[in-house]
Amino acid sequence: MLYRGISYEKVHDYQKAIEYFEQSIHCDPKYEKAYSRLIINYCKVGELAKAIELYHKANQLFPESNLLNQAKQKLEKTLLNLE
């Protein structure tokens, strides 16, 4: 599921990518990379409330994650661009 999501992300079909990343997490609730990609794609479609909520959940599961740091940077950059 994750790699299908990445494939859709590469062709800028973020909604379809989100579906596959959500399915990946549903199948494996501790799939760190799926959380990271899902947060980033939520940012890309402007669903910032979902991105923030998911980031907090994922940060509890993976407090020292480099992948989540990448997602956090994308989220922060997106929020800064709103100002």
Protein backbone atom coordinates (compact mmCIF):
# COMPACT_ATOMS: atom_id res chain seq x y z
CA MET A 1 0.00 0.00 0.00
CA LEU A 2 2.75 2.44 0.92
CA TYR A 3 4.49 2.17 -2.44
CA ARG A 4 1.24 2.73 -4.31
CA GLY A 5 0.77 5.87 -2.24
CA ILE A 6 4.27 7.02 -3.11
CA SER A 7 3.56 6.35 -6.80
CA TYR A 8 0.47 8.56 -6.68
CA GLU A 9 2.36 11.20 -4.75
CA LYS A 10 5.01 11.32 -7.48
CA VAL A 11 2.36 12.14 -10.11
CA HIS A 12 0.80 14.76 -7.81
CA ASP A 13 -2.39 12.79 -7.14
CA TYR A 14 -2.24 13.59 -3.44
CA GLN A 15 -5.80 12.54 -2.63
CA LYS A 16 -5.20 9.06 -4.01
CA ALA A 17 -1.85 8.92 -2.21
CA ILE A 18 -3.61 9.83 1.03
CA GLU A 19 -6.02 6.92 0.56
CA TYR A 20 -3.15 4.45 0.24
CA PHE A 21 -1.19 5.89 3.16
CA GLU A 22 -4.32 5.67 5.32
CA GLN A 23 -4.77 2.04 4.26
CA SER A 24 -1.14 1.35 5.14
CA ILE A 25 -1.69 2.70 8.65
CA HIS A 26 -4.94 0.77 8.97
CA CYS A 27 -3.08 -2.46 8.14
CA ASP A 28 -0.12 -1.62 10.37
CA PRO A 29 -0.82 1.10 12.98
CA LYS A 30 2.91 1.39 13.71
CA TYR A 31 4.06 1.98 10.12
CA GLU A 32 6.22 5.02 10.73
CA LYS A 33 6.88 5.88 7.08
CA ALA A 34 3.16 5.81 6.26
CA TYR A 35 2.49 8.37 9.00
CA SER A 36 5.24 10.62 7.68
CA ARG A 37 4.04 10.45 4.07
CA LEU A 38 0.41 10.95 5.13
CA ILE A 39 1.27 14.09 7.12
CA ILE A 40 3.19 15.52 4.18
CA ASN A 41 0.36 14.79 1.75
CA TYR A 42 -2.22 16.34 4.06
CA CYS A 43 -0.06 19.47 3.93
CA LYS A 44 0.03 19.33 0.15
CA VAL A 45 -3.77 19.33 -0.09
CA GLY A 46 -4.19 21.96 2.61
CA GLU A 47 -5.67 19.69 5.26
CA LEU A 48 -3.51 21.21 7.97
CA ALA A 49 -5.76 20.35 10.91
CA LYS A 50 -5.54 16.67 9.96
CA ALA A 51 -1.78 16.96 9.44
CA ILE A 52 -1.30 18.50 12.88
CA GLU A 53 -3.55 15.97 14.60
CA LEU A 54 -1.79 13.07 12.90
CA TYR A 55 1.63 14.52 13.70
CA HIS A 56 0.80 14.62 17.42
CA LYS A 57 -0.44 11.03 17.32
CA ALA A 58 2.61 9.83 15.40
CA ASN A 59 4.97 11.76 17.65
CA GLN A 60 3.63 9.81 20.63
CA LEU A 61 4.30 6.54 18.80
CA PHE A 62 7.70 7.54 17.40
CA PRO A 63 9.15 10.33 19.57
CA GLU A 64 12.68 10.13 18.14
CA SER A 65 11.80 9.59 14.48
CA ASN A 66 13.84 11.18 11.70
CA LEU A 67 10.97 10.50 9.29
CA LEU A 68 8.59 12.46 11.48
CA ASN A 69 11.09 15.29 11.66
CA GLN A 70 10.85 15.56 7.87
CA ALA A 71 7.05 15.66 8.10
CA LYS A 72 7.26 18.24 10.89
CA GLN A 73 9.50 20.45 8.73
CA LYS A 74 6.99 20.27 5.85
CA LEU A 75 4.15 21.08 8.24
CA GLU A 76 6.02 24.04 9.74
CA LYS A 77 6.96 25.35 6.29
CA THR A 78 3.35 25.09 5.15
CA LEU A 79 2.11 26.92 8.25
CA LEU A 80 4.72 29.67 7.80
CA ASN A 81 3.60 30.21 4.21
CA LEU A 82 0.10 30.96 5.47
CA GLU A 83 1.30 34.02 7.37
